[in-house]
Amino acid sequence: MHKRRATIQLSISAILFLVSLWALMWFFSSSSLASGACLNEFSLFHEDVRCRQPSIAITLWLVTATGNVLTLVGGVKNMRRSRSNA
């Protein structure tokens, strides 16, 4: 039971890692593109959509990176439990 749960958690962790990398690249890209138009003032509530994108991207990165770490730790713990029970 623990091995199956660990495999699922580690798979989810790998997917979240890829999404996290994508969000980080989106942040750097959107920050670079919006730096001139927004005068380096990014906010979730800015009038221009281009000035909102870096804030959305960094928020997405924080959520996915946190989820990645939590599922990775849970997966490793469950993998250790499955090996100790065997």
N, C-alpha and C. Protein backbone atom coordinates (compact mmCIF):
# COMPACT_ATOMS: atom_id res chain seq x y z
N MET A 1 0.82 -1.20 0.00
CA MET A 1 0.00 0.00 0.00
C MET A 1 0.86 1.26 0.00
N HIS A 2 1.90 1.23 0.84
CA HIS A 2 2.77 2.41 0.91
C HIS A 2 3.57 2.59 -0.38
N LYS A 3 3.94 1.49 -1.02
CA LYS A 3 4.73 1.59 -2.24
C LYS A 3 3.90 2.22 -3.37
N ARG A 4 2.63 1.82 -3.46
CA ARG A 4 1.77 2.40 -4.49
C ARG A 4 1.55 3.89 -4.24
N ARG A 5 1.31 4.24 -2.98
CA ARG A 5 1.12 5.65 -2.62
C ARG A 5 2.40 6.45 -2.90
N ALA A 6 3.54 5.86 -2.60
CA ALA A 6 4.82 6.54 -2.83
C ALA A 6 5.05 6.77 -4.32
N THR A 7 4.70 5.78 -5.13
CA THR A 7 4.86 5.92 -6.58
C THR A 7 3.99 7.03 -7.13
N ILE A 8 2.76 7.10 -6.65
CA ILE A 8 1.84 8.16 -7.09
C ILE A 8 2.37 9.53 -6.65
N GLN A 9 2.82 9.62 -5.41
CA GLN A 9 3.34 10.90 -4.91
C GLN A 9 4.59 11.33 -5.66
N LEU A 10 5.47 10.41 -5.94
CA LEU A 10 6.68 10.77 -6.68
C LEU A 10 6.37 11.16 -8.12
N SER A 11 5.37 10.53 -8.71
CA SER A 11 4.96 10.91 -10.07
C SER A 11 4.37 12.32 -10.08
N ILE A 12 3.52 12.59 -9.10
CA ILE A 12 2.94 13.94 -8.99
C ILE A 12 4.04 14.97 -8.74
N SER A 13 5.02 14.60 -7.93
CA SER A 13 6.14 15.49 -7.65
C SER A 13 6.93 15.82 -8.92
N ALA A 14 7.13 14.82 -9.77
CA ALA A 14 7.85 15.04 -11.02
C ALA A 14 7.07 15.98 -11.94
N ILE A 15 5.75 15.79 -12.00
CA ILE A 15 4.92 16.66 -12.84
C ILE A 15 4.94 18.09 -12.29
N LEU A 16 4.82 18.23 -10.97
CA LEU A 16 4.85 19.56 -10.37
C LEU A 16 6.20 20.23 -10.56
N PHE A 17 7.27 19.44 -10.58
CA PHE A 17 8.60 19.99 -10.83
C PHE A 17 8.66 20.61 -12.23
N LEU A 18 8.12 19.90 -13.22
CA LEU A 18 8.12 20.42 -14.59
C LEU A 18 7.26 21.67 -14.71
N VAL A 19 6.10 21.67 -14.06
CA VAL A 19 5.22 22.85 -14.08
C VAL A 19 5.91 24.01 -13.37
N SER A 20 6.62 23.71 -12.30
CA SER A 20 7.33 24.74 -11.56
C SER A 20 8.44 25.38 -12.41
N LEU A 21 9.17 24.55 -13.15
CA LEU A 21 10.19 25.09 -14.05
C LEU A 21 9.56 25.97 -15.13
N TRP A 22 8.45 25.51 -15.68
CA TRP A 22 7.75 26.29 -16.70
C TRP A 22 7.30 27.65 -16.13
N ALA A 23 6.76 27.65 -14.92
CA ALA A 23 6.30 28.89 -14.30
C ALA A 23 7.46 29.84 -14.03
N LEU A 24 8.60 29.28 -13.63
CA LEU A 24 9.77 30.13 -13.39
C LEU A 24 10.27 30.75 -14.70
N MET A 25 10.29 29.97 -15.77
CA MET A 25 10.69 30.51 -17.08
C MET A 25 9.69 31.56 -17.55
N TRP A 26 8.40 31.32 -17.29
CA TRP A 26 7.37 32.29 -17.65
C TRP A 26 7.59 33.59 -16.88
N PHE A 27 7.95 33.48 -15.60
CA PHE A 27 8.20 34.68 -14.80
C PHE A 27 9.34 35.51 -15.39
N PHE A 28 10.47 34.86 -15.68
CA PHE A 28 11.61 35.60 -16.23
C PHE A 28 11.28 36.19 -17.59
N SER A 29 10.59 35.44 -18.42
CA SER A 29 10.23 35.92 -19.75
C SER A 29 9.26 37.10 -19.66
N SER A 30 8.21 36.97 -18.87
CA SER A 30 7.22 38.05 -18.78
C SER A 30 7.80 39.27 -18.07
N SER A 31 8.70 39.08 -17.14
CA SER A 31 9.35 40.22 -16.48
C SER A 31 10.19 41.00 -17.48
N SER A 32 10.91 40.27 -18.31
CA SER A 32 11.75 40.90 -19.30
C SER A 32 10.91 41.67 -20.32
N LEU A 33 9.84 41.06 -20.78
CA LEU A 33 9.00 41.72 -21.79
C LEU A 33 8.23 42.90 -21.21
N ALA A 34 7.86 42.83 -19.96
CA ALA A 34 7.03 43.89 -19.36
C ALA A 34 7.85 44.97 -18.68
N SER A 35 9.15 44.81 -18.57
CA SER A 35 9.94 45.79 -17.82
C SER A 35 9.89 47.18 -18.44
N GLY A 36 9.87 47.27 -19.74
CA GLY A 36 9.82 48.59 -20.37
C GLY A 36 8.44 49.21 -20.31
N ALA A 37 7.42 48.42 -20.60
CA ALA A 37 6.05 48.94 -20.64
C ALA A 37 5.51 49.28 -19.26
N CYS A 38 5.97 48.56 -18.24
CA CYS A 38 5.42 48.73 -16.89
C CYS A 38 6.36 49.48 -15.96
N LEU A 39 7.52 49.86 -16.45
CA LEU A 39 8.53 50.55 -15.64
C LEU A 39 8.90 49.74 -14.40
N ASN A 40 8.99 48.42 -14.56
CA ASN A 40 9.35 47.48 -13.49
C ASN A 40 8.40 47.53 -12.30
N GLU A 41 7.15 47.88 -12.53
CA GLU A 41 6.14 47.88 -11.47
C GLU A 41 5.10 46.83 -11.82
N PHE A 42 5.27 45.64 -11.23
CA PHE A 42 4.37 44.53 -11.50
C PHE A 42 3.41 44.36 -10.33
N SER A 43 2.15 44.10 -10.64
CA SER A 43 1.14 43.92 -9.61
C SER A 43 0.00 43.06 -10.16
N LEU A 44 -0.63 42.33 -9.27
CA LEU A 44 -1.80 41.54 -9.68
C LEU A 44 -2.97 42.42 -10.08
N PHE A 45 -2.97 43.65 -9.62
CA PHE A 45 -4.11 44.54 -9.85
C PHE A 45 -3.77 45.70 -10.78
N HIS A 46 -2.73 45.54 -11.58
CA HIS A 46 -2.33 46.57 -12.53
C HIS A 46 -3.35 46.66 -13.65
N GLU A 47 -3.48 47.84 -14.25
CA GLU A 47 -4.45 48.04 -15.33
C GLU A 47 -4.09 47.24 -16.57
N ASP A 48 -2.81 47.20 -16.90
CA ASP A 48 -2.34 46.52 -18.10
C ASP A 48 -2.12 45.03 -17.80
N VAL A 49 -2.63 44.18 -18.67
CA VAL A 49 -2.50 42.73 -18.47
C VAL A 49 -1.04 42.30 -18.48
N ARG A 50 -0.24 42.93 -19.30
CA ARG A 50 1.18 42.58 -19.40
C ARG A 50 1.89 42.78 -18.06
N CYS A 51 1.46 43.75 -17.29
CA CYS A 51 2.08 44.03 -16.00
C CYS A 51 1.62 43.07 -14.90
N ARG A 52 0.56 42.31 -15.16
CA ARG A 52 0.07 41.32 -14.20
C ARG A 52 0.77 39.98 -14.34
N GLN A 53 1.25 39.67 -15.52
CA GLN A 53 1.79 38.34 -15.80
C GLN A 53 2.94 37.93 -14.89
N PRO A 54 3.92 38.79 -14.60
CA PRO A 54 5.00 38.34 -13.70
C PRO A 54 4.49 37.97 -12.31
N SER A 55 3.52 38.68 -11.80
CA SER A 55 2.97 38.36 -10.48
C SER A 55 2.22 37.04 -10.50
N ILE A 56 1.48 36.80 -11.55
CA ILE A 56 0.76 35.53 -11.68
C ILE A 56 1.75 34.38 -11.81
N ALA A 57 2.79 34.59 -12.60
CA ALA A 57 3.78 33.53 -12.82
C ALA A 57 4.55 33.20 -11.54
N ILE A 58 4.94 34.19 -10.76
CA ILE A 58 5.70 33.90 -9.54
C ILE A 58 4.80 33.25 -8.49
N THR A 59 3.51 33.61 -8.48
CA THR A 59 2.57 32.96 -7.56
C THR A 59 2.39 31.49 -7.95
N LEU A 60 2.25 31.24 -9.23
CA LEU A 60 2.14 29.87 -9.71
C LEU A 60 3.40 29.08 -9.39
N TRP A 61 4.55 29.70 -9.53
CA TRP A 61 5.81 29.03 -9.21
C TRP A 61 5.88 28.68 -7.72
N LEU A 62 5.50 29.61 -6.86
CA LEU A 62 5.54 29.34 -5.43
C LEU A 62 4.61 28.19 -5.03
N VAL A 63 3.42 28.17 -5.60
CA VAL A 63 2.46 27.11 -5.28
C VAL A 63 2.96 25.76 -5.78
N THR A 64 3.44 25.70 -7.01
CA THR A 64 3.89 24.42 -7.56
C THR A 64 5.19 23.95 -6.92
N ALA A 65 6.08 24.86 -6.59
CA ALA A 65 7.34 24.47 -5.94
C ALA A 65 7.06 23.93 -4.53
N THR A 66 6.13 24.56 -3.82
CA THR A 66 5.77 24.07 -2.49
C THR A 66 5.10 22.70 -2.58
N GLY A 67 4.19 22.55 -3.52
CA GLY A 67 3.55 21.26 -3.73
C GLY A 67 4.54 20.19 -4.13
N ASN A 68 5.52 20.56 -4.93
CA ASN A 68 6.56 19.64 -5.35
C ASN A 68 7.35 19.12 -4.15
N VAL A 69 7.77 20.02 -3.30
CA VAL A 69 8.55 19.63 -2.13
C VAL A 69 7.74 18.75 -1.19
N LEU A 70 6.48 19.13 -0.95
CA LEU A 70 5.64 18.36 -0.03
C LEU A 70 5.37 16.95 -0.55
N THR A 71 5.06 16.83 -1.84
CA THR A 71 4.80 15.49 -2.38
C THR A 71 6.07 14.67 -2.49
N LEU A 72 7.20 15.31 -2.73
CA LEU A 72 8.47 14.59 -2.77
C LEU A 72 8.81 14.03 -1.39
N VAL A 73 8.66 14.84 -0.35
CA VAL A 73 8.93 14.38 1.01
C VAL A 73 7.98 13.25 1.40
N GLY A 74 6.70 13.41 1.08
CA GLY A 74 5.73 12.36 1.38
C GLY A 74 6.02 11.07 0.63
N GLY A 75 6.42 11.19 -0.62
CA GLY A 75 6.75 10.01 -1.41
C GLY A 75 7.97 9.28 -0.89
N VAL A 76 8.97 10.03 -0.49
CA VAL A 76 10.18 9.40 0.06
C VAL A 76 9.87 8.71 1.39
N LYS A 77 9.07 9.35 2.23
CA LYS A 77 8.69 8.73 3.51
C LYS A 77 7.90 7.44 3.28
N ASN A 78 6.97 7.47 2.35
CA ASN A 78 6.18 6.26 2.07
C ASN A 78 7.04 5.17 1.44
N MET A 79 8.02 5.54 0.64
CA MET A 79 8.92 4.55 0.05
C MET A 79 9.75 3.88 1.13
N ARG A 80 10.22 4.67 2.10
CA ARG A 80 10.98 4.10 3.22
C ARG A 80 10.11 3.17 4.06
N ARG A 81 8.85 3.55 4.27
CA ARG A 81 7.94 2.69 5.04
C ARG A 81 7.68 1.38 4.32
N SER A 82 7.55 1.45 3.01
CA SER A 82 7.28 0.22 2.26
C SER A 82 8.49 -0.71 2.29
N ARG A 83 9.70 -0.15 2.31
CA ARG A 83 10.90 -0.99 2.38
C ARG A 83 11.10 -1.57 3.76
N SER A 84 10.71 -0.83 4.79
CA SER A 84 10.88 -1.35 6.15
C SER A 84 9.84 -2.42 6.49
N ASN A 85 8.68 -2.37 5.83
CA ASN A 85 7.63 -3.36 6.05
C ASN A 85 7.88 -4.66 5.28
N ALA A 86 8.71 -4.56 4.25
CA ALA A 86 8.94 -5.76 3.40
C ALA A 86 9.89 -6.75 4.02
